[in-house]
Amino acid sequence: MFRKAKYKYVIEWGCCDGRGNRYISSTLEGIRKKIDEDKLLSDDEKNILKYGYDREFSKDIKTSHFCIDNGLDIYWYKCKLIF
């Protein structure tokens, strides 16, 4: 029996001013929608999370970290789910 793999995408971010959030979705489009709905983020921060680092999800089961001027700390997780 062949088991189909799906992924769960997670972005966590925090800022030096105390703001932060976590988004979880089975699609990148779902992540982008959640980011768009987050009222804590400026438009520039939304674009950085949604598009600036899209390549972070390009490889299977990769965890990446990025920090902008010690102010915006971002983690990307891609988890493989096997059914």
PDB file of N, CA and C in Angstrom:
ATOM      1  N   MET A   1       0.833  -1.175   0.000  1.00  0.00           N
ATOM      2  CA  MET A   1       0.000   0.000   0.000  1.00  0.00           C
ATOM      3  C   MET A   1       0.883   1.246   0.000  1.00  0.00           C
ATOM      4  N   PHE A   2       0.591   2.166  -0.907  1.00  0.00           N
ATOM      5  CA  PHE A   2       1.349   3.404  -1.041  1.00  0.00           C
ATOM      6  C   PHE A   2       0.791   4.443  -0.080  1.00  0.00           C
ATOM      7  N   ARG A   3       1.669   5.052   0.672  1.00  0.00           N
ATOM      8  CA  ARG A   3       1.242   6.102   1.591  1.00  0.00           C
ATOM      9  C   ARG A   3       1.601   7.452   0.997  1.00  0.00           C
ATOM     10  N   LYS A   4       0.639   8.323   0.971  1.00  0.00           N
ATOM     11  CA  LYS A   4       0.829   9.645   0.392  1.00  0.00           C
ATOM     12  C   LYS A   4       1.321  10.614   1.470  1.00  0.00           C
ATOM     13  N   ALA A   5       2.347  11.345   1.135  1.00  0.00           N
ATOM     14  CA  ALA A   5       2.898  12.329   2.081  1.00  0.00           C
ATOM     15  C   ALA A   5       2.298  13.697   1.804  1.00  0.00           C
ATOM     16  N   LYS A   6       1.904  14.373   2.852  1.00  0.00           N
ATOM     17  CA  LYS A   6       1.479  15.767   2.789  1.00  0.00           C
ATOM     18  C   LYS A   6       2.363  16.535   3.750  1.00  0.00           C
ATOM     19  N   TYR A   7       2.259  17.835   3.688  1.00  0.00           N
ATOM     20  CA  TYR A   7       3.109  18.666   4.519  1.00  0.00           C
ATOM     21  C   TYR A   7       2.286  19.591   5.403  1.00  0.00           C
ATOM     22  N   LYS A   8       2.878  19.954   6.498  1.00  0.00           N
ATOM     23  CA  LYS A   8       2.345  20.999   7.371  1.00  0.00           C
ATOM     24  C   LYS A   8       3.395  22.099   7.374  1.00  0.00           C
ATOM     25  N   TYR A   9       2.967  23.308   7.078  1.00  0.00           N
ATOM     26  CA  TYR A   9       3.858  24.463   7.049  1.00  0.00           C
ATOM     27  C   TYR A   9       3.612  25.304   8.295  1.00  0.00           C
ATOM     28  N   VAL A  10       4.682  25.761   8.918  1.00  0.00           N
ATOM     29  CA  VAL A  10       4.581  26.568  10.125  1.00  0.00           C
ATOM     30  C   VAL A  10       5.549  27.744  10.005  1.00  0.00           C
ATOM     31  N   ILE A  11       5.073  28.936  10.336  1.00  0.00           N
ATOM     32  CA  ILE A  11       5.930  30.108  10.468  1.00  0.00           C
ATOM     33  C   ILE A  11       5.693  30.659  11.860  1.00  0.00           C
ATOM     34  N   GLU A  12       6.777  30.859  12.589  1.00  0.00           N
ATOM     35  CA  GLU A  12       6.721  31.526  13.890  1.00  0.00           C
ATOM     36  C   GLU A  12       7.578  32.777  13.800  1.00  0.00           C
ATOM     37  N   TRP A  13       7.092  33.846  14.381  1.00  0.00           N
ATOM     38  CA  TRP A  13       7.884  35.067  14.385  1.00  0.00           C
ATOM     39  C   TRP A  13       7.711  35.794  15.710  1.00  0.00           C
ATOM     40  N   GLY A  14       8.704  36.578  16.031  1.00  0.00           N
ATOM     41  CA  GLY A  14       8.660  37.406  17.221  1.00  0.00           C
ATOM     42  C   GLY A  14       9.430  38.675  16.951  1.00  0.00           C
ATOM     43  N   CYS A  15       9.087  39.704  17.695  1.00  0.00           N
ATOM     44  CA  CYS A  15       9.721  41.000  17.502  1.00  0.00           C
ATOM     45  C   CYS A  15      10.191  41.546  18.850  1.00  0.00           C
ATOM     46  N   CYS A  16      11.186  42.377  18.818  1.00  0.00           N
ATOM     47  CA  CYS A  16      11.754  42.932  20.045  1.00  0.00           C
ATOM     48  C   CYS A  16      10.755  43.780  20.827  1.00  0.00           C
ATOM     49  N   ASP A  17       9.663  44.204  20.194  1.00  0.00           N
ATOM     50  CA  ASP A  17       8.650  45.002  20.891  1.00  0.00           C
ATOM     51  C   ASP A  17       7.565  44.140  21.544  1.00  0.00           C
ATOM     52  N   GLY A  18       7.771  42.833  21.561  1.00  0.00           N
ATOM     53  CA  GLY A  18       6.837  41.939  22.236  1.00  0.00           C
ATOM     54  C   GLY A  18       5.779  41.305  21.352  1.00  0.00           C
ATOM     55  N   ARG A  19       5.678  41.753  20.109  1.00  0.00           N
ATOM     56  CA  ARG A  19       4.710  41.143  19.193  1.00  0.00           C
ATOM     57  C   ARG A  19       5.221  39.787  18.737  1.00  0.00           C
ATOM     58  N   GLY A  20       4.305  38.911  18.364  1.00  0.00           N
ATOM     59  CA  GLY A  20       4.684  37.616  17.832  1.00  0.00           C
ATOM     60  C   GLY A  20       3.457  36.809  17.481  1.00  0.00           C
ATOM     61  N   ASN A  21       3.638  35.767  16.670  1.00  0.00           N
ATOM     62  CA  ASN A  21       2.523  34.913  16.295  1.00  0.00           C
ATOM     63  C   ASN A  21       3.059  33.637  15.658  1.00  0.00           C
ATOM     64  N   ARG A  22       2.157  32.703  15.444  1.00  0.00           N
ATOM     65  CA  ARG A  22       2.480  31.427  14.814  1.00  0.00           C
ATOM     66  C   ARG A  22       1.358  31.083  13.852  1.00  0.00           C
ATOM     67  N   TYR A  23       1.720  30.675  12.629  1.00  0.00           N
ATOM     68  CA  TYR A  23       0.753  30.303  11.610  1.00  0.00           C
ATOM     69  C   TYR A  23       1.012  28.853  11.207  1.00  0.00           C
ATOM     70  N   ILE A  24      -0.045  28.070  11.097  1.00  0.00           N
ATOM     71  CA  ILE A  24       0.062  26.668  10.700  1.00  0.00           C
ATOM     72  C   ILE A  24      -0.961  26.416   9.598  1.00  0.00           C
ATOM     73  N   SER A  25      -0.525  25.739   8.532  1.00  0.00           N
ATOM     74  CA  SER A  25      -1.439  25.400   7.439  1.00  0.00           C
ATOM     75  C   SER A  25      -0.867  24.218   6.647  1.00  0.00           C
ATOM     76  N   SER A  26      -1.749  23.562   5.914  1.00  0.00           N
ATOM     77  CA  SER A  26      -1.296  22.478   5.041  1.00  0.00           C
ATOM     78  C   SER A  26      -0.878  22.994   3.670  1.00  0.00           C
ATOM     79  N   THR A  27      -1.064  24.309   3.424  1.00  0.00           N
ATOM     80  CA  THR A  27      -0.666  24.910   2.151  1.00  0.00           C
ATOM     81  C   THR A  27       0.023  26.250   2.403  1.00  0.00           C
ATOM     82  N   LEU A  28       0.851  26.650   1.463  1.00  0.00           N
ATOM     83  CA  LEU A  28       1.467  27.978   1.551  1.00  0.00           C
ATOM     84  C   LEU A  28       0.424  29.074   1.393  1.00  0.00           C
ATOM     85  N   GLU A  29      -0.605  28.820   0.577  1.00  0.00           N
ATOM     86  CA  GLU A  29      -1.673  29.796   0.417  1.00  0.00           C
ATOM     87  C   GLU A  29      -2.392  30.029   1.743  1.00  0.00           C
ATOM     88  N   GLY A  30      -2.575  28.965   2.523  1.00  0.00           N
ATOM     89  CA  GLY A  30      -3.204  29.086   3.833  1.00  0.00           C
ATOM     90  C   GLY A  30      -2.375  29.913   4.792  1.00  0.00           C
ATOM     91  N   ILE A  31      -1.067  29.713   4.741  1.00  0.00           N
ATOM     92  CA  ILE A  31      -0.158  30.519   5.566  1.00  0.00           C
ATOM     93  C   ILE A  31      -0.267  31.991   5.180  1.00  0.00           C
ATOM     94  N   ARG A  32      -0.246  32.273   3.877  1.00  0.00           N
ATOM     95  CA  ARG A  32      -0.321  33.658   3.409  1.00  0.00           C
ATOM     96  C   ARG A  32      -1.622  34.328   3.841  1.00  0.00           C
ATOM     97  N   LYS A  33      -2.717  33.591   3.796  1.00  0.00           N
ATOM     98  CA  LYS A  33      -4.014  34.135   4.215  1.00  0.00           C
ATOM     99  C   LYS A  33      -3.983  34.506   5.701  1.00  0.00           C
ATOM    100  N   LYS A  34      -3.424  33.640   6.521  1.00  0.00           N
ATOM    101  CA  LYS A  34      -3.335  33.922   7.958  1.00  0.00           C
ATOM    102  C   LYS A  34      -2.452  35.138   8.233  1.00  0.00           C
ATOM    103  N   ILE A  35      -1.374  35.268   7.478  1.00  0.00           N
ATOM    104  CA  ILE A  35      -0.503  36.432   7.635  1.00  0.00           C
ATOM    105  C   ILE A  35      -1.252  37.705   7.248  1.00  0.00           C
ATOM    106  N   ASP A  36      -1.998  37.661   6.141  1.00  0.00           N
ATOM    107  CA  ASP A  36      -2.771  38.827   5.708  1.00  0.00           C
ATOM    108  C   ASP A  36      -3.773  39.275   6.767  1.00  0.00           C
ATOM    109  N   GLU A  37      -4.320  38.331   7.515  1.00  0.00           N
ATOM    110  CA  GLU A  37      -5.343  38.637   8.518  1.00  0.00           C
ATOM    111  C   GLU A  37      -4.753  39.130   9.843  1.00  0.00           C
ATOM    112  N   ASP A  38      -3.448  39.024  10.015  1.00  0.00           N
ATOM    113  CA  ASP A  38      -2.805  39.396  11.273  1.00  0.00           C
ATOM    114  C   ASP A  38      -2.664  40.915  11.366  1.00  0.00           C
ATOM    115  N   LYS A  39      -3.358  41.511  12.305  1.00  0.00           N
ATOM    116  CA  LYS A  39      -3.354  42.963  12.468  1.00  0.00           C
ATOM    117  C   LYS A  39      -2.117  43.468  13.226  1.00  0.00           C
ATOM    118  N   LEU A  40      -1.300  42.554  13.755  1.00  0.00           N
ATOM    119  CA  LEU A  40      -0.083  42.949  14.458  1.00  0.00           C
ATOM    120  C   LEU A  40       1.038  43.358  13.507  1.00  0.00           C
ATOM    121  N   LEU A  41       0.923  42.956  12.243  1.00  0.00           N
ATOM    122  CA  LEU A  41       2.000  43.146  11.267  1.00  0.00           C
ATOM    123  C   LEU A  41       1.785  44.367  10.386  1.00  0.00           C
ATOM    124  N   SER A  42       2.881  45.052  10.060  1.00  0.00           N
ATOM    125  CA  SER A  42       2.832  46.103   9.045  1.00  0.00           C
ATOM    126  C   SER A  42       2.810  45.423   7.670  1.00  0.00           C
ATOM    127  N   ASP A  43       2.505  46.175   6.634  1.00  0.00           N
ATOM    128  CA  ASP A  43       2.490  45.621   5.279  1.00  0.00           C
ATOM    129  C   ASP A  43       3.864  45.091   4.882  1.00  0.00           C
ATOM    130  N   ASP A  44       4.930  45.800   5.247  1.00  0.00           N
ATOM    131  CA  ASP A  44       6.285  45.343   4.923  1.00  0.00           C
ATOM    132  C   ASP A  44       6.600  44.020   5.620  1.00  0.00           C
ATOM    133  N   GLU A  45       6.216  43.903   6.887  1.00  0.00           N
ATOM    134  CA  GLU A  45       6.460  42.656   7.625  1.00  0.00           C
ATOM    135  C   GLU A  45       5.669  41.505   7.016  1.00  0.00           C
ATOM    136  N   LYS A  46       4.440  41.781   6.604  1.00  0.00           N
ATOM    137  CA  LYS A  46       3.626  40.740   5.946  1.00  0.00           C
ATOM    138  C   LYS A  46       4.314  40.251   4.682  1.00  0.00           C
ATOM    139  N   ASN A  47       4.817  41.176   3.879  1.00  0.00           N
ATOM    140  CA  ASN A  47       5.479  40.790   2.631  1.00  0.00           C
ATOM    141  C   ASN A  47       6.748  39.988   2.889  1.00  0.00           C
ATOM    142  N   ILE A  48       7.497  40.350   3.921  1.00  0.00           N
ATOM    143  CA  ILE A  48       8.698  39.587   4.261  1.00  0.00           C
ATOM    144  C   ILE A  48       8.325  38.155   4.633  1.00  0.00           C
ATOM    145  N   LEU A  49       7.303  38.000   5.462  1.00  0.00           N
ATOM    146  CA  LEU A  49       6.888  36.657   5.883  1.00  0.00           C
ATOM    147  C   LEU A  49       6.302  35.852   4.730  1.00  0.00           C
ATOM    148  N   LYS A  50       5.509  36.492   3.872  1.00  0.00           N
ATOM    149  CA  LYS A  50       4.808  35.774   2.804  1.00  0.00           C
ATOM    150  C   LYS A  50       5.672  35.463   1.595  1.00  0.00           C
ATOM    151  N   TYR A  51       6.493  36.413   1.156  1.00  0.00           N
ATOM    152  CA  TYR A  51       7.154  36.260  -0.139  1.00  0.00           C
ATOM    153  C   TYR A  51       8.666  36.351  -0.104  1.00  0.00           C
ATOM    154  N   GLY A  52       9.218  37.103   0.782  1.00  0.00           N
ATOM    155  CA  GLY A  52      10.656  37.351   0.770  1.00  0.00           C
ATOM    156  C   GLY A  52      11.491  36.116   0.995  1.00  0.00           C
ATOM    157  N   TYR A  53      10.939  35.142   1.682  1.00  0.00           N
ATOM    158  CA  TYR A  53      11.731  33.963   2.035  1.00  0.00           C
ATOM    159  C   TYR A  53      11.003  32.677   1.674  1.00  0.00           C
ATOM    160  N   ASP A  54      10.253  32.713   0.577  1.00  0.00           N
ATOM    161  CA  ASP A  54       9.497  31.553   0.105  1.00  0.00           C
ATOM    162  C   ASP A  54      10.381  30.329  -0.058  1.00  0.00           C
ATOM    163  N   ARG A  55      11.626  30.531  -0.424  1.00  0.00           N
ATOM    164  CA  ARG A  55      12.541  29.408  -0.667  1.00  0.00           C
ATOM    165  C   ARG A  55      12.800  28.592   0.594  1.00  0.00           C
ATOM    166  N   GLU A  56      12.462  29.128   1.753  1.00  0.00           N
ATOM    167  CA  GLU A  56      12.694  28.393   2.998  1.00  0.00           C
ATOM    168  C   GLU A  56      11.891  27.098   3.045  1.00  0.00           C
ATOM    169  N   PHE A  57      10.800  27.033   2.281  1.00  0.00           N
ATOM    170  CA  PHE A  57       9.977  25.830   2.256  1.00  0.00           C
ATOM    171  C   PHE A  57      10.294  24.945   1.053  1.00  0.00           C
ATOM    172  N   SER A  58      11.350  25.227   0.321  1.00  0.00           N
ATOM    173  CA  SER A  58      11.609  24.511  -0.931  1.00  0.00           C
ATOM    174  C   SER A  58      12.099  23.085  -0.732  1.00  0.00           C
ATOM    175  N   LYS A  59      12.693  22.774   0.400  1.00  0.00           N
ATOM    176  CA  LYS A  59      13.212  21.431   0.637  1.00  0.00           C
ATOM    177  C   LYS A  59      12.366  20.719   1.688  1.00  0.00           C
ATOM    178  N   ASP A  60      12.333  19.395   1.599  1.00  0.00           N
ATOM    179  CA  ASP A  60      11.565  18.607   2.557  1.00  0.00           C
ATOM    180  C   ASP A  60      12.135  18.735   3.959  1.00  0.00           C
ATOM    181  N   ILE A  61      11.250  18.862   4.903  1.00  0.00           N
ATOM    182  CA  ILE A  61      11.575  18.828   6.325  1.00  0.00           C
ATOM    183  C   ILE A  61      12.794  19.691   6.638  1.00  0.00           C
ATOM    184  N   LYS A  62      12.669  20.943   6.347  1.00  0.00           N
ATOM    185  CA  LYS A  62      13.751  21.889   6.580  1.00  0.00           C
ATOM    186  C   LYS A  62      13.298  22.917   7.606  1.00  0.00           C
ATOM    187  N   THR A  63      14.155  23.233   8.514  1.00  0.00           N
ATOM    188  CA  THR A  63      13.891  24.294   9.476  1.00  0.00           C
ATOM    189  C   THR A  63      14.914  25.388   9.233  1.00  0.00           C
ATOM    190  N   SER A  64      14.432  26.591   9.037  1.00  0.00           N
ATOM    191  CA  SER A  64      15.320  27.719   8.799  1.00  0.00           C
ATOM    192  C   SER A  64      14.994  28.837   9.772  1.00  0.00           C
ATOM    193  N   HIS A  65      15.963  29.695   9.985  1.00  0.00           N
ATOM    194  CA  HIS A  65      15.817  30.803  10.915  1.00  0.00           C
ATOM    195  C   HIS A  65      16.404  32.043  10.268  1.00  0.00           C
ATOM    196  N   PHE A  66      15.770  33.178  10.515  1.00  0.00           N
ATOM    197  CA  PHE A  66      16.258  34.437   9.963  1.00  0.00           C
ATOM    198  C   PHE A  66      15.968  35.543  10.967  1.00  0.00           C
ATOM    199  N   CYS A  67      16.879  36.453  11.122  1.00  0.00           N
ATOM    200  CA  CYS A  67      16.697  37.583  12.039  1.00  0.00           C
ATOM    201  C   CYS A  67      17.054  38.871  11.298  1.00  0.00           C
ATOM    202  N   ILE A  68      16.176  39.864  11.384  1.00  0.00           N
ATOM    203  CA  ILE A  68      16.411  41.146  10.734  1.00  0.00           C
ATOM    204  C   ILE A  68      16.766  42.165  11.810  1.00  0.00           C
ATOM    205  N   ASP A  69      17.990  42.625  11.797  1.00  0.00           N
ATOM    206  CA  ASP A  69      18.462  43.674  12.718  1.00  0.00           C
ATOM    207  C   ASP A  69      18.089  43.414  14.175  1.00  0.00           C
ATOM    208  N   ASN A  70      18.124  42.171  14.585  1.00  0.00           N
ATOM    209  CA  ASN A  70      17.764  41.786  15.952  1.00  0.00           C
ATOM    210  C   ASN A  70      16.361  42.239  16.340  1.00  0.00           C
ATOM    211  N   GLY A  71      15.525  42.561  15.356  1.00  0.00           N
ATOM    212  CA  GLY A  71      14.192  43.060  15.653  1.00  0.00           C
ATOM    213  C   GLY A  71      13.085  42.101  15.281  1.00  0.00           C
ATOM    214  N   LEU A  72      13.189  41.461  14.144  1.00  0.00           N
ATOM    215  CA  LEU A  72      12.172  40.513  13.673  1.00  0.00           C
ATOM    216  C   LEU A  72      12.839  39.160  13.510  1.00  0.00           C
ATOM    217  N   ASP A  73      12.429  38.217  14.308  1.00  0.00           N
ATOM    218  CA  ASP A  73      13.004  36.874  14.329  1.00  0.00           C
ATOM    219  C   ASP A  73      11.985  35.916  13.726  1.00  0.00           C
ATOM    220  N   ILE A  74      12.386  35.168  12.692  1.00  0.00           N
ATOM    221  CA  ILE A  74      11.452  34.323  11.947  1.00  0.00           C
ATOM    222  C   ILE A  74      11.981  32.892  11.901  1.00  0.00           C
ATOM    223  N   TYR A  75      11.079  31.922  12.113  1.00  0.00           N
ATOM    224  CA  TYR A  75      11.390  30.501  11.957  1.00  0.00           C
ATOM    225  C   TYR A  75      10.406  29.894  10.975  1.00  0.00           C
ATOM    226  N   TRP A  76      10.922  29.074  10.067  1.00  0.00           N
ATOM    227  CA  TRP A  76      10.094  28.342   9.121  1.00  0.00           C
ATOM    228  C   TRP A  76      10.262  26.850   9.388  1.00  0.00           C
ATOM    229  N   TYR A  77       9.145  26.130   9.421  1.00  0.00           N
ATOM    230  CA  TYR A  77       9.185  24.674   9.587  1.00  0.00           C
ATOM    231  C   TYR A  77       8.343  24.035   8.505  1.00  0.00           C
ATOM    232  N   LYS A  78       8.822  22.939   7.956  1.00  0.00           N
ATOM    233  CA  LYS A  78       8.050  22.153   7.004  1.00  0.00           C
ATOM    234  C   LYS A  78       8.093  20.721   7.497  1.00  0.00           C
ATOM    235  N   CYS A  79       6.933  20.180   7.841  1.00  0.00           N
ATOM    236  CA  CYS A  79       6.860  18.841   8.417  1.00  0.00           C
ATOM    237  C   CYS A  79       6.134  17.906   7.456  1.00  0.00           C
ATOM    238  N   LYS A  80       6.693  16.750   7.233  1.00  0.00           N
ATOM    239  CA  LYS A  80       6.059  15.768   6.360  1.00  0.00           C
ATOM    240  C   LYS A  80       5.103  14.924   7.189  1.00  0.00           C
ATOM    241  N   LEU A  81       3.855  14.846   6.725  1.00  0.00           N
ATOM    242  CA  LEU A  81       2.831  14.021   7.351  1.00  0.00           C
ATOM    243  C   LEU A  81       2.575  12.833   6.442  1.00  0.00           C
ATOM    244  N   ILE A  82       2.643  11.636   6.950  1.00  0.00           N
ATOM    245  CA  ILE A  82       2.436  10.436   6.126  1.00  0.00           C
ATOM    246  C   ILE A  82       1.118   9.801   6.517  1.00  0.00           C
ATOM    247  N   PHE A  83       0.319   9.508   5.495  1.00  0.00           N
ATOM    248  CA  PHE A  83      -0.987   8.890   5.700  1.00  0.00           C
ATOM    249  C   PHE A  83      -0.958   7.450   5.285  1.00  0.00           C
TER     250      PHE A  83
END
